[in-house]
Amino acid sequence: MQNLYTTPEAARQAKRAYKALQNLEQSDAQVHADHRKYIKGVADSELTKKRSDASTARHLHTLRPEYARLGFGLDRAENKAQQRIEELKAKIKENR
């Protein structure tokens, strides 16, 4: 009696199966390589974004003194306006 794994048909089927497995492995390796390439691209894009964020932050930080001066100017203008209002109120009271 002949062994099931030694028949010519079984040998052909085994050869086909191993060839299919080899093709699967090659495809998997290609997918793996392409995925790693994609991950590298994502990392490069993220780095570009972070550099842009840092550049924007540096620029905005350099503007802080000017904004602070604007704030002081607004406070000064508000104080002057309030002072003038009080002066006018006092003047109205005097004229009554």
Protein backbone atom coordinates (compact mmCIF):
# COMPACT_ATOMS: atom_id res chain seq x y z
CA MET A 1 0.00 0.00 0.00
CA GLN A 2 1.31 3.41 -0.97
CA ASN A 3 1.65 6.22 1.60
CA LEU A 4 -0.85 9.06 1.07
CA TYR A 5 1.94 11.68 1.15
CA THR A 6 4.11 9.97 -1.41
CA THR A 7 1.66 9.72 -4.28
CA PRO A 8 2.52 11.84 -7.29
CA GLU A 9 -0.73 13.79 -6.90
CA ALA A 10 -0.04 14.51 -3.22
CA ALA A 11 3.49 15.66 -4.11
CA ARG A 12 2.08 18.03 -6.74
CA GLN A 13 -0.47 19.38 -4.28
CA ALA A 14 2.20 19.85 -1.61
CA LYS A 15 4.41 21.66 -4.12
CA ARG A 16 1.47 23.91 -5.10
CA ALA A 17 0.68 24.60 -1.45
CA TYR A 18 4.27 25.54 -0.64
CA LYS A 19 4.43 27.75 -3.71
CA ALA A 20 1.20 29.47 -2.60
CA LEU A 21 2.63 29.90 0.91
CA GLN A 22 5.78 31.39 -0.57
CA ASN A 23 3.68 33.84 -2.60
CA LEU A 24 1.75 34.76 0.54
CA GLU A 25 4.98 35.37 2.45
CA GLN A 26 6.37 37.53 -0.36
CA SER A 27 3.14 39.52 -0.50
CA ASP A 28 3.13 39.89 3.27
CA ALA A 29 6.74 41.10 3.20
CA GLN A 30 5.86 43.67 0.54
CA VAL A 31 2.84 44.87 2.53
CA HIS A 32 5.03 45.08 5.64
CA ALA A 33 7.67 47.11 3.78
CA ASP A 34 5.00 49.42 2.29
CA HIS A 35 3.42 49.91 5.71
CA ARG A 36 6.79 50.85 7.23
CA LYS A 37 7.30 53.29 4.35
CA TYR A 38 3.89 54.79 5.15
CA ILE A 39 4.80 55.06 8.86
CA LYS A 40 8.01 56.90 7.93
CA GLY A 41 6.01 59.30 5.77
CA VAL A 42 3.57 59.95 8.61
CA ALA A 43 6.48 60.59 10.99
CA ASP A 44 8.05 63.03 8.51
CA SER A 45 4.73 64.85 8.14
CA GLU A 46 4.27 65.06 11.91
CA LEU A 47 7.77 66.47 12.28
CA THR A 48 6.99 69.11 9.67
CA LYS A 49 3.81 70.02 11.57
CA LYS A 50 5.64 70.21 14.90
CA ARG A 51 8.34 72.43 13.37
CA SER A 52 5.60 74.69 12.04
CA ASP A 53 3.96 74.78 15.47
CA ALA A 54 7.28 75.67 17.10
CA SER A 55 7.94 78.40 14.53
CA THR A 56 4.47 79.85 15.11
CA ALA A 57 4.98 79.73 18.87
CA ARG A 58 8.32 81.56 18.60
CA HIS A 59 6.74 84.23 16.40
CA LEU A 60 3.79 84.72 18.73
CA HIS A 61 6.13 84.88 21.71
CA THR A 62 8.05 87.74 20.08
CA LEU A 63 4.75 89.64 19.76
CA ARG A 64 3.96 89.48 23.50
CA PRO A 65 5.69 92.76 24.44
CA GLU A 66 3.79 94.65 21.75
CA TYR A 67 0.48 93.20 22.89
CA ALA A 68 1.39 94.10 26.46
CA ARG A 69 2.06 97.69 25.38
CA LEU A 70 -1.31 97.75 23.63
CA GLY A 71 -2.94 96.57 26.83
CA PHE A 72 -1.23 99.32 28.82
CA GLY A 73 -2.33 101.85 26.22
CA LEU A 74 -5.93 100.66 26.52
CA ASP A 75 -5.78 100.87 30.31
CA ARG A 76 -4.33 104.37 30.10
CA ALA A 77 -7.04 105.44 27.65
CA GLU A 78 -9.75 103.96 29.88
CA ASN A 79 -8.34 105.77 32.91
CA LYS A 80 -8.22 109.07 31.02
CA ALA A 81 -11.79 108.60 29.81
CA GLN A 82 -12.97 107.76 33.33
CA GLN A 83 -11.11 110.79 34.70
CA ARG A 84 -12.70 113.04 32.09
CA ILE A 85 -16.16 111.64 32.93
CA GLU A 86 -15.58 112.42 36.60
CA GLU A 87 -14.44 115.94 35.70
CA LEU A 88 -17.56 116.51 33.63
CA LYS A 89 -19.78 115.15 36.41
CA ALA A 90 -18.11 117.52 38.86
CA LYS A 91 -18.58 120.43 36.47
CA ILE A 92 -22.27 119.62 36.03
CA LYS A 93 -22.72 119.53 39.82
CA GLU A 94 -21.02 122.93 40.13
CA ASN A 95 -23.33 124.50 37.58
CA ARG A 96 -26.50 123.38 39.31
